[in-house]
Amino acid sequence: MSDILLSAHDLTVRFGGVLAVNGVSFDVRQGEVFTLIGPNGAGKTTVFNLISRIYTPTSGHINYQGQRLTDMAPHAVAGMGIARTFQNIELFEHATVLQNLLIGRHVHNHTGFWSQLLFTSSVRAAERATRHKVEEVIDFLDLQHYRDTLVAGLPYGVRKVVELARALCTEPQLLLLDEPSSGLNVEETADMAFWIQDIQHDLGITVLMVEHDMSLVSKVSNRVLAMNQGEVLAMGEPAQVQANEAVIEAYLGGGFDAANLRRKV
């Protein structure tokens, strides 16, 4: 059996006269952390939006577990085992952490209207299973202290973890992380690296990530795809990609070595 979980084939996206993504192809293997890097405007988030079906490619396609993902409706993506976080946190601020995580379980709600109205034994059993899964995620990410706190009152770094927790509550097979270290300090970024490694190794979830912090990329990634101006520059292990001259020039304009890339990007 193939270990390829997701395959992007010759993806191209045009917005009017702007070519945002141009012939991008890559495979994501089961159980790895695969990271997209590149300067602002490289097309990384556009690729993410194609996978989560916010956008439809002008040409090309994406296969996920043998199915043509680009033929699926956007609302069907979560049910296929794909979850996503956003660079700009998308949480219900006037709900508690627990309530936000319970919303993440909605994709697993298969009870009917009348069963819910009558609160049958099957609905009660499903509610217990939902609560149990949410509490597991709270324990996994050490959110016990915040479980009954309104999101609006939480520090930014904790909100990032809550959004990650909500994605995990969907029980994904593929987790899309859009700049998980954005806005975090050094200590919080180190914690995020720890969570990503645990998600990969302990939960067995495949991670596809967009990230600018190269220390985080180097620490958690199995393979890296570098993009610039909508095209692929290089792909391989983190050290190989960071040492690629075309990647260094795209980030820093040339004249720098790989050490500078790791330090400044």
C-alpha atoms as a PDB file:
ATOM      1  CA  MET A   1       0.000   0.000   0.000  1.00  0.00           C
ATOM      2  CA  SER A   2       1.259   3.484  -0.854  1.00  0.00           C
ATOM      3  CA  ASP A   3       2.296   5.704   2.043  1.00  0.00           C
ATOM      4  CA  ILE A   4       1.174   8.825   0.137  1.00  0.00           C
ATOM      5  CA  LEU A   5      -1.692  10.522   1.986  1.00  0.00           C
ATOM      6  CA  LEU A   6      -2.111  13.603  -0.221  1.00  0.00           C
ATOM      7  CA  SER A   7      -0.859  14.388  -3.733  1.00  0.00           C
ATOM      8  CA  ALA A   8      -0.972  17.756  -5.472  1.00  0.00           C
ATOM      9  CA  HIS A   9      -0.627  17.551  -9.241  1.00  0.00           C
ATOM     10  CA  ASP A  10       0.361  20.575 -11.342  1.00  0.00           C
ATOM     11  CA  LEU A  11      -1.695  23.074  -9.320  1.00  0.00           C
ATOM     12  CA  THR A  12      -2.245  26.430 -10.995  1.00  0.00           C
ATOM     13  CA  VAL A  13      -4.349  29.318  -9.691  1.00  0.00           C
ATOM     14  CA  ARG A  14      -5.080  32.614 -11.420  1.00  0.00           C
ATOM     15  CA  PHE A  15      -6.794  35.571  -9.816  1.00  0.00           C
ATOM     16  CA  GLY A  16      -7.625  37.717 -12.829  1.00  0.00           C
ATOM     17  CA  GLY A  17      -4.245  38.494 -14.375  1.00  0.00           C
ATOM     18  CA  VAL A  18      -2.282  37.360 -11.296  1.00  0.00           C
ATOM     19  CA  LEU A  19      -0.693  33.906 -11.400  1.00  0.00           C
ATOM     20  CA  ALA A  20      -0.704  33.013  -7.690  1.00  0.00           C
ATOM     21  CA  VAL A  21       0.336  29.359  -8.065  1.00  0.00           C
ATOM     22  CA  ASN A  22       2.032  27.969 -11.146  1.00  0.00           C
ATOM     23  CA  GLY A  23       2.364  24.214 -11.745  1.00  0.00           C
ATOM     24  CA  VAL A  24       3.015  23.150  -8.145  1.00  0.00           C
ATOM     25  CA  SER A  25       3.230  19.407  -7.456  1.00  0.00           C
ATOM     26  CA  PHE A  26       4.153  17.538  -4.267  1.00  0.00           C
ATOM     27  CA  ASP A  27       3.253  14.479  -2.178  1.00  0.00           C
ATOM     28  CA  VAL A  28       2.642  14.344   1.565  1.00  0.00           C
ATOM     29  CA  ARG A  29       3.506  10.989   3.139  1.00  0.00           C
ATOM     30  CA  GLN A  30       1.543   9.351   5.899  1.00  0.00           C
ATOM     31  CA  GLY A  31       2.893  10.296   9.342  1.00  0.00           C
ATOM     32  CA  GLU A  32       5.332  13.048   8.322  1.00  0.00           C
ATOM     33  CA  VAL A  33       5.548  16.771   8.987  1.00  0.00           C
ATOM     34  CA  PHE A  34       5.725  18.447   5.582  1.00  0.00           C
ATOM     35  CA  THR A  35       6.336  22.196   5.569  1.00  0.00           C
ATOM     36  CA  LEU A  36       5.822  24.891   2.951  1.00  0.00           C
ATOM     37  CA  ILE A  37       8.222  27.824   3.233  1.00  0.00           C
ATOM     38  CA  GLY A  38       8.846  30.920   1.166  1.00  0.00           C
ATOM     39  CA  PRO A  39       8.737  34.718   1.319  1.00  0.00           C
ATOM     40  CA  ASN A  40       5.466  36.621   1.579  1.00  0.00           C
ATOM     41  CA  GLY A  41       3.414  36.237  -1.574  1.00  0.00           C
ATOM     42  CA  ALA A  42       5.064  32.950  -2.533  1.00  0.00           C
ATOM     43  CA  GLY A  43       1.704  31.143  -2.807  1.00  0.00           C
ATOM     44  CA  LYS A  44       1.923  29.010   0.337  1.00  0.00           C
ATOM     45  CA  THR A  45      -1.416  29.997   1.855  1.00  0.00           C
ATOM     46  CA  THR A  46      -3.071  29.748  -1.564  1.00  0.00           C
ATOM     47  CA  VAL A  47      -1.987  26.102  -1.671  1.00  0.00           C
ATOM     48  CA  PHE A  48      -3.481  25.641   1.816  1.00  0.00           C
ATOM     49  CA  ASN A  49      -6.711  27.222   0.636  1.00  0.00           C
ATOM     50  CA  LEU A  50      -6.823  24.807  -2.290  1.00  0.00           C
ATOM     51  CA  ILE A  51      -6.500  21.811   0.041  1.00  0.00           C
ATOM     52  CA  SER A  52      -9.193  23.112   2.421  1.00  0.00           C
ATOM     53  CA  ARG A  53     -11.377  23.892  -0.644  1.00  0.00           C
ATOM     54  CA  ILE A  54     -11.635  27.624  -0.027  1.00  0.00           C
ATOM     55  CA  TYR A  55     -10.246  27.988  -3.552  1.00  0.00           C
ATOM     56  CA  THR A  56     -10.649  25.832  -6.641  1.00  0.00           C
ATOM     57  CA  PRO A  57      -7.575  25.458  -8.870  1.00  0.00           C
ATOM     58  CA  THR A  58      -7.611  26.956 -12.351  1.00  0.00           C
ATOM     59  CA  SER A  59      -5.955  23.719 -13.423  1.00  0.00           C
ATOM     60  CA  GLY A  60      -4.461  20.663 -11.768  1.00  0.00           C
ATOM     61  CA  HIS A  61      -5.941  18.572  -8.971  1.00  0.00           C
ATOM     62  CA  ILE A  62      -5.391  17.191  -5.467  1.00  0.00           C
ATOM     63  CA  ASN A  63      -5.856  13.560  -4.440  1.00  0.00           C
ATOM     64  CA  TYR A  64      -6.454  12.626  -0.815  1.00  0.00           C
ATOM     65  CA  GLN A  65      -6.587   8.968   0.206  1.00  0.00           C
ATOM     66  CA  GLY A  66      -7.360   7.985  -3.375  1.00  0.00           C
ATOM     67  CA  GLN A  67     -10.186  10.512  -3.774  1.00  0.00           C
ATOM     68  CA  ARG A  68     -10.170  13.647  -5.927  1.00  0.00           C
ATOM     69  CA  LEU A  69     -10.253  16.295  -3.213  1.00  0.00           C
ATOM     70  CA  THR A  70     -10.757  19.114  -5.703  1.00  0.00           C
ATOM     71  CA  ASP A  71     -14.117  17.567  -6.665  1.00  0.00           C
ATOM     72  CA  MET A  72     -15.374  17.724  -3.078  1.00  0.00           C
ATOM     73  CA  ALA A  73     -17.614  20.411  -1.592  1.00  0.00           C
ATOM     74  CA  PRO A  74     -15.849  22.639   0.978  1.00  0.00           C
ATOM     75  CA  HIS A  75     -18.111  21.489   3.815  1.00  0.00           C
ATOM     76  CA  ALA A  76     -17.125  17.849   3.164  1.00  0.00           C
ATOM     77  CA  VAL A  77     -13.422  18.383   3.866  1.00  0.00           C
ATOM     78  CA  ALA A  78     -13.577  18.055   7.674  1.00  0.00           C
ATOM     79  CA  GLY A  79     -15.549  14.830   7.336  1.00  0.00           C
ATOM     80  CA  MET A  80     -12.727  13.399   5.210  1.00  0.00           C
ATOM     81  CA  GLY A  81     -10.291  13.757   8.108  1.00  0.00           C
ATOM     82  CA  ILE A  82      -8.704  17.130   7.302  1.00  0.00           C
ATOM     83  CA  ALA A  83      -8.524  19.884   9.934  1.00  0.00           C
ATOM     84  CA  ARG A  84      -6.976  23.336   9.781  1.00  0.00           C
ATOM     85  CA  THR A  85      -5.783  26.204  11.928  1.00  0.00           C
ATOM     86  CA  PHE A  86      -5.405  29.767  10.650  1.00  0.00           C
ATOM     87  CA  GLN A  87      -2.666  32.386  10.844  1.00  0.00           C
ATOM     88  CA  ASN A  88      -5.258  34.790  12.249  1.00  0.00           C
ATOM     89  CA  ILE A  89      -6.943  32.907  15.065  1.00  0.00           C
ATOM     90  CA  GLU A  90     -10.553  31.963  14.324  1.00  0.00           C
ATOM     91  CA  LEU A  91     -12.261  31.167  17.636  1.00  0.00           C
ATOM     92  CA  PHE A  92     -15.559  32.076  19.290  1.00  0.00           C
ATOM     93  CA  GLU A  93     -14.262  34.706  21.707  1.00  0.00           C
ATOM     94  CA  HIS A  94     -17.353  34.891  23.902  1.00  0.00           C
ATOM     95  CA  ALA A  95     -17.476  31.139  24.440  1.00  0.00           C
ATOM     96  CA  THR A  96     -15.309  29.142  26.827  1.00  0.00           C
ATOM     97  CA  VAL A  97     -12.407  26.950  25.806  1.00  0.00           C
ATOM     98  CA  LEU A  98     -14.556  23.873  26.481  1.00  0.00           C
ATOM     99  CA  GLN A  99     -17.377  25.202  24.312  1.00  0.00           C
ATOM    100  CA  ASN A 100     -14.992  25.963  21.456  1.00  0.00           C
ATOM    101  CA  LEU A 101     -13.618  22.435  21.583  1.00  0.00           C
ATOM    102  CA  LEU A 102     -17.094  20.913  21.660  1.00  0.00           C
ATOM    103  CA  ILE A 103     -17.827  22.779  18.424  1.00  0.00           C
ATOM    104  CA  GLY A 104     -14.857  20.958  16.925  1.00  0.00           C
ATOM    105  CA  ARG A 105     -16.700  17.662  17.540  1.00  0.00           C
ATOM    106  CA  HIS A 106     -19.670  18.697  15.402  1.00  0.00           C
ATOM    107  CA  VAL A 107     -18.299  16.780  12.407  1.00  0.00           C
ATOM    108  CA  HIS A 108     -18.841  13.555  14.367  1.00  0.00           C
ATOM    109  CA  ASN A 109     -22.477  14.299  15.214  1.00  0.00           C
ATOM    110  CA  HIS A 110     -24.484  11.662  13.338  1.00  0.00           C
ATOM    111  CA  THR A 111     -27.642  11.587  15.457  1.00  0.00           C
ATOM    112  CA  GLY A 112     -30.898  12.690  13.874  1.00  0.00           C
ATOM    113  CA  PHE A 113     -33.103  15.667  14.675  1.00  0.00           C
ATOM    114  CA  TRP A 114     -35.802  13.705  16.511  1.00  0.00           C
ATOM    115  CA  SER A 115     -33.250  11.709  18.496  1.00  0.00           C
ATOM    116  CA  GLN A 116     -31.678  14.941  19.687  1.00  0.00           C
ATOM    117  CA  LEU A 117     -35.053  16.495  20.437  1.00  0.00           C
ATOM    118  CA  LEU A 118     -36.062  13.500  22.547  1.00  0.00           C
ATOM    119  CA  PHE A 119     -32.535  13.117  23.971  1.00  0.00           C
ATOM    120  CA  THR A 120     -32.533   9.379  23.365  1.00  0.00           C
ATOM    121  CA  SER A 121     -30.020   6.905  24.760  1.00  0.00           C
ATOM    122  CA  SER A 122     -27.985   7.067  21.532  1.00  0.00           C
ATOM    123  CA  VAL A 123     -27.744  10.853  21.843  1.00  0.00           C
ATOM    124  CA  ARG A 124     -26.679  10.563  25.477  1.00  0.00           C
ATOM    125  CA  ALA A 125     -24.018   8.005  24.536  1.00  0.00           C
ATOM    126  CA  ALA A 126     -22.739  10.259  21.741  1.00  0.00           C
ATOM    127  CA  GLU A 127     -22.630  13.212  24.148  1.00  0.00           C
ATOM    128  CA  ARG A 128     -20.566  11.200  26.642  1.00  0.00           C
ATOM    129  CA  ALA A 129     -18.152  10.125  23.884  1.00  0.00           C
ATOM    130  CA  THR A 130     -17.825  13.745  22.726  1.00  0.00           C
ATOM    131  CA  ARG A 131     -17.086  14.986  26.237  1.00  0.00           C
ATOM    132  CA  HIS A 132     -14.549  12.206  26.755  1.00  0.00           C
ATOM    133  CA  LYS A 133     -12.680  13.070  23.540  1.00  0.00           C
ATOM    134  CA  VAL A 134     -12.624  16.777  24.347  1.00  0.00           C
ATOM    135  CA  GLU A 135     -11.254  16.104  27.825  1.00  0.00           C
ATOM    136  CA  GLU A 136      -8.532  13.924  26.270  1.00  0.00           C
ATOM    137  CA  VAL A 137      -7.459  16.835  24.060  1.00  0.00           C
ATOM    138  CA  ILE A 138      -7.554  19.252  27.003  1.00  0.00           C
ATOM    139  CA  ASP A 139      -5.253  16.917  28.944  1.00  0.00           C
ATOM    140  CA  PHE A 140      -2.995  16.363  25.920  1.00  0.00           C
ATOM    141  CA  LEU A 141      -2.367  20.099  25.448  1.00  0.00           C
ATOM    142  CA  ASP A 142      -2.360  20.996  29.168  1.00  0.00           C
ATOM    143  CA  LEU A 143      -5.411  23.264  28.900  1.00  0.00           C
ATOM    144  CA  GLN A 144      -7.071  22.133  32.143  1.00  0.00           C
ATOM    145  CA  HIS A 145      -6.497  25.530  33.782  1.00  0.00           C
ATOM    146  CA  TYR A 146      -8.346  27.316  30.955  1.00  0.00           C
ATOM    147  CA  ARG A 147     -11.201  24.895  30.189  1.00  0.00           C
ATOM    148  CA  ASP A 148     -13.967  27.160  31.628  1.00  0.00           C
ATOM    149  CA  THR A 149     -12.350  30.497  30.677  1.00  0.00           C
ATOM    150  CA  LEU A 150     -13.802  32.712  27.958  1.00  0.00           C
ATOM    151  CA  VAL A 151     -11.490  32.834  24.949  1.00  0.00           C
ATOM    152  CA  ALA A 152     -11.659  36.656  24.974  1.00  0.00           C
ATOM    153  CA  GLY A 153      -9.802  36.669  28.296  1.00  0.00           C
ATOM    154  CA  LEU A 154      -6.933  34.419  27.221  1.00  0.00           C
ATOM    155  CA  PRO A 155      -3.382  35.437  26.265  1.00  0.00           C
ATOM    156  CA  TYR A 156      -2.587  35.206  22.551  1.00  0.00           C
ATOM    157  CA  GLY A 157      -0.276  32.226  22.961  1.00  0.00           C
ATOM    158  CA  VAL A 158      -2.944  30.224  24.794  1.00  0.00           C
ATOM    159  CA  ARG A 159      -5.476  31.062  22.074  1.00  0.00           C
ATOM    160  CA  LYS A 160      -3.103  29.537  19.543  1.00  0.00           C
ATOM    161  CA  VAL A 161      -3.084  26.299  21.527  1.00  0.00           C
ATOM    162  CA  VAL A 162      -6.885  26.382  21.871  1.00  0.00           C
ATOM    163  CA  GLU A 163      -7.269  26.651  18.102  1.00  0.00           C
ATOM    164  CA  LEU A 164      -4.900  23.713  17.734  1.00  0.00           C
ATOM    165  CA  ALA A 165      -6.979  21.804  20.295  1.00  0.00           C
ATOM    166  CA  ARG A 166     -10.204  22.470  18.404  1.00  0.00           C
ATOM    167  CA  ALA A 167      -8.636  21.086  15.229  1.00  0.00           C
ATOM    168  CA  LEU A 168      -7.524  17.959  17.118  1.00  0.00           C
ATOM    169  CA  CYS A 169     -11.061  17.442  18.409  1.00  0.00           C
ATOM    170  CA  THR A 170     -12.144  16.642  14.844  1.00  0.00           C
ATOM    171  CA  GLU A 171      -9.770  13.620  15.009  1.00  0.00           C
ATOM    172  CA  PRO A 172      -7.997  14.495  11.756  1.00  0.00           C
ATOM    173  CA  GLN A 173      -5.685  12.307   9.751  1.00  0.00           C
ATOM    174  CA  LEU A 174      -4.196  15.388   8.085  1.00  0.00           C
ATOM    175  CA  LEU A 175      -3.660  18.563  10.111  1.00  0.00           C
ATOM    176  CA  LEU A 176      -3.025  21.838   8.262  1.00  0.00           C
ATOM    177  CA  LEU A 177      -1.150  24.397  10.384  1.00  0.00           C
ATOM    178  CA  ASP A 178      -1.019  27.905   8.907  1.00  0.00           C
ATOM    179  CA  GLU A 179       1.971  29.680  10.532  1.00  0.00           C
ATOM    180  CA  PRO A 180       1.515  28.135  13.997  1.00  0.00           C
ATOM    181  CA  SER A 181       4.334  30.252  15.503  1.00  0.00           C
ATOM    182  CA  SER A 182       2.999  33.571  14.174  1.00  0.00           C
ATOM    183  CA  GLY A 183       2.836  36.090  17.037  1.00  0.00           C
ATOM    184  CA  LEU A 184       4.447  33.755  19.564  1.00  0.00           C
ATOM    185  CA  ASN A 185       7.512  34.514  21.650  1.00  0.00           C
ATOM    186  CA  VAL A 186      10.545  32.229  21.786  1.00  0.00           C
ATOM    187  CA  GLU A 187       9.258  30.157  24.708  1.00  0.00           C
ATOM    188  CA  GLU A 188       5.795  29.767  23.176  1.00  0.00           C
ATOM    189  CA  THR A 189       7.345  28.757  19.843  1.00  0.00           C
ATOM    190  CA  ALA A 190       9.380  26.077  21.627  1.00  0.00           C
ATOM    191  CA  ASP A 191       6.168  24.800  23.226  1.00  0.00           C
ATOM    192  CA  MET A 192       4.474  24.745  19.807  1.00  0.00           C
ATOM    193  CA  ALA A 193       7.338  22.642  18.435  1.00  0.00           C
ATOM    194  CA  PHE A 194       6.821  20.243  21.334  1.00  0.00           C
ATOM    195  CA  TRP A 195       3.079  19.947  20.584  1.00  0.00           C
ATOM    196  CA  ILE A 196       3.684  19.354  16.866  1.00  0.00           C
ATOM    197  CA  GLN A 197       6.172  16.590  17.594  1.00  0.00           C
ATOM    198  CA  ASP A 198       3.747  14.949  20.028  1.00  0.00           C
ATOM    199  CA  ILE A 199       0.897  15.233  17.505  1.00  0.00           C
ATOM    200  CA  GLN A 200       3.065  13.448  14.958  1.00  0.00           C
ATOM    201  CA  HIS A 201       4.603  10.791  17.190  1.00  0.00           C
ATOM    202  CA  ASP A 202       1.957  10.166  19.871  1.00  0.00           C
ATOM    203  CA  LEU A 203      -1.238  10.705  17.851  1.00  0.00           C
ATOM    204  CA  GLY A 204       0.099   9.543  14.478  1.00  0.00           C
ATOM    205  CA  ILE A 205      -1.340  12.561  12.674  1.00  0.00           C
ATOM    206  CA  THR A 206       0.214  13.792   9.433  1.00  0.00           C
ATOM    207  CA  VAL A 207       1.011  17.517   9.523  1.00  0.00           C
ATOM    208  CA  LEU A 208       1.168  19.912   6.573  1.00  0.00           C
ATOM    209  CA  MET A 209       2.468  23.267   7.747  1.00  0.00           C
ATOM    210  CA  VAL A 210       3.139  26.762   6.423  1.00  0.00           C
ATOM    211  CA  GLU A 211       5.829  28.458   8.516  1.00  0.00           C
ATOM    212  CA  HIS A 212       8.344  31.321   8.442  1.00  0.00           C
ATOM    213  CA  ASP A 213      10.294  30.518  11.614  1.00  0.00           C
ATOM    214  CA  MET A 214      13.140  28.386  10.290  1.00  0.00           C
ATOM    215  CA  SER A 215      14.194  27.185  13.746  1.00  0.00           C
ATOM    216  CA  LEU A 216      10.739  25.641  14.151  1.00  0.00           C
ATOM    217  CA  VAL A 217      10.822  24.282  10.601  1.00  0.00           C
ATOM    218  CA  SER A 218      14.201  22.632  11.182  1.00  0.00           C
ATOM    219  CA  LYS A 219      13.141  21.136  14.492  1.00  0.00           C
ATOM    220  CA  VAL A 220       9.879  19.472  13.478  1.00  0.00           C
ATOM    221  CA  SER A 221       9.883  18.963   9.683  1.00  0.00           C
ATOM    222  CA  ASN A 222      10.712  15.741   7.876  1.00  0.00           C
ATOM    223  CA  ARG A 223      10.603  17.440   4.472  1.00  0.00           C
ATOM    224  CA  VAL A 224      10.333  21.015   3.247  1.00  0.00           C
ATOM    225  CA  LEU A 225       8.991  22.552   0.044  1.00  0.00           C
ATOM    226  CA  ALA A 226      10.286  26.053  -0.736  1.00  0.00           C
ATOM    227  CA  MET A 227       8.169  28.297  -2.959  1.00  0.00           C
ATOM    228  CA  ASN A 228       8.619  31.703  -4.542  1.00  0.00           C
ATOM    229  CA  GLN A 229       6.278  33.646  -6.811  1.00  0.00           C
ATOM    230  CA  GLY A 230       3.921  30.696  -7.006  1.00  0.00           C
ATOM    231  CA  GLU A 231       6.509  28.145  -8.117  1.00  0.00           C
ATOM    232  CA  VAL A 232       8.563  25.387  -6.482  1.00  0.00           C
ATOM    233  CA  LEU A 233      12.181  26.336  -5.761  1.00  0.00           C
ATOM    234  CA  ALA A 234      13.390  23.262  -3.888  1.00  0.00           C
ATOM    235  CA  MET A 235      12.152  20.252  -1.949  1.00  0.00           C
ATOM    236  CA  GLY A 236      13.923  17.928   0.467  1.00  0.00           C
ATOM    237  CA  GLU A 237      15.115  17.680   4.043  1.00  0.00           C
ATOM    238  CA  PRO A 238      15.206  20.999   5.965  1.00  0.00           C
ATOM    239  CA  ALA A 239      19.011  21.404   5.909  1.00  0.00           C
ATOM    240  CA  GLN A 240      19.170  20.702   2.172  1.00  0.00           C
ATOM    241  CA  VAL A 241      16.473  23.239   1.350  1.00  0.00           C
ATOM    242  CA  GLN A 242      17.903  25.920   3.647  1.00  0.00           C
ATOM    243  CA  ALA A 243      21.302  25.552   1.952  1.00  0.00           C
ATOM    244  CA  ASN A 244      19.812  25.842  -1.550  1.00  0.00           C
ATOM    245  CA  GLU A 245      21.135  28.979  -3.252  1.00  0.00           C
ATOM    246  CA  ALA A 246      17.835  29.740  -4.997  1.00  0.00           C
ATOM    247  CA  VAL A 247      16.009  29.570  -1.658  1.00  0.00           C
ATOM    248  CA  ILE A 248      18.524  31.852   0.043  1.00  0.00           C
ATOM    249  CA  GLU A 249      18.300  34.380  -2.774  1.00  0.00           C
ATOM    250  CA  ALA A 250      14.483  34.331  -2.723  1.00  0.00           C
ATOM    251  CA  TYR A 251      14.470  35.108   1.004  1.00  0.00           C
ATOM    252  CA  LEU A 252      17.393  37.470   1.309  1.00  0.00           C
ATOM    253  CA  GLY A 253      18.196  38.726  -2.173  1.00  0.00           C
ATOM    254  CA  GLY A 254      21.500  36.866  -2.513  1.00  0.00           C
ATOM    255  CA  GLY A 255      24.860  37.377  -0.851  1.00  0.00           C
ATOM    256  CA  PHE A 256      24.031  35.369   2.260  1.00  0.00           C
ATOM    257  CA  ASP A 257      24.867  31.882   3.422  1.00  0.00           C
ATOM    258  CA  ALA A 258      22.635  29.237   4.933  1.00  0.00           C
ATOM    259  CA  ALA A 259      23.487  30.332   8.481  1.00  0.00           C
ATOM    260  CA  ASN A 260      22.063  33.765   7.743  1.00  0.00           C
ATOM    261  CA  LEU A 261      18.907  32.178   6.354  1.00  0.00           C
ATOM    262  CA  ARG A 262      18.343  30.202   9.555  1.00  0.00           C
ATOM    263  CA  ARG A 263      19.045  33.238  11.687  1.00  0.00           C
ATOM    264  CA  LYS A 264      16.993  35.857   9.845  1.00  0.00           C
ATOM    265  CA  VAL A 265      14.050  34.111   8.226  1.00  0.00           C
END
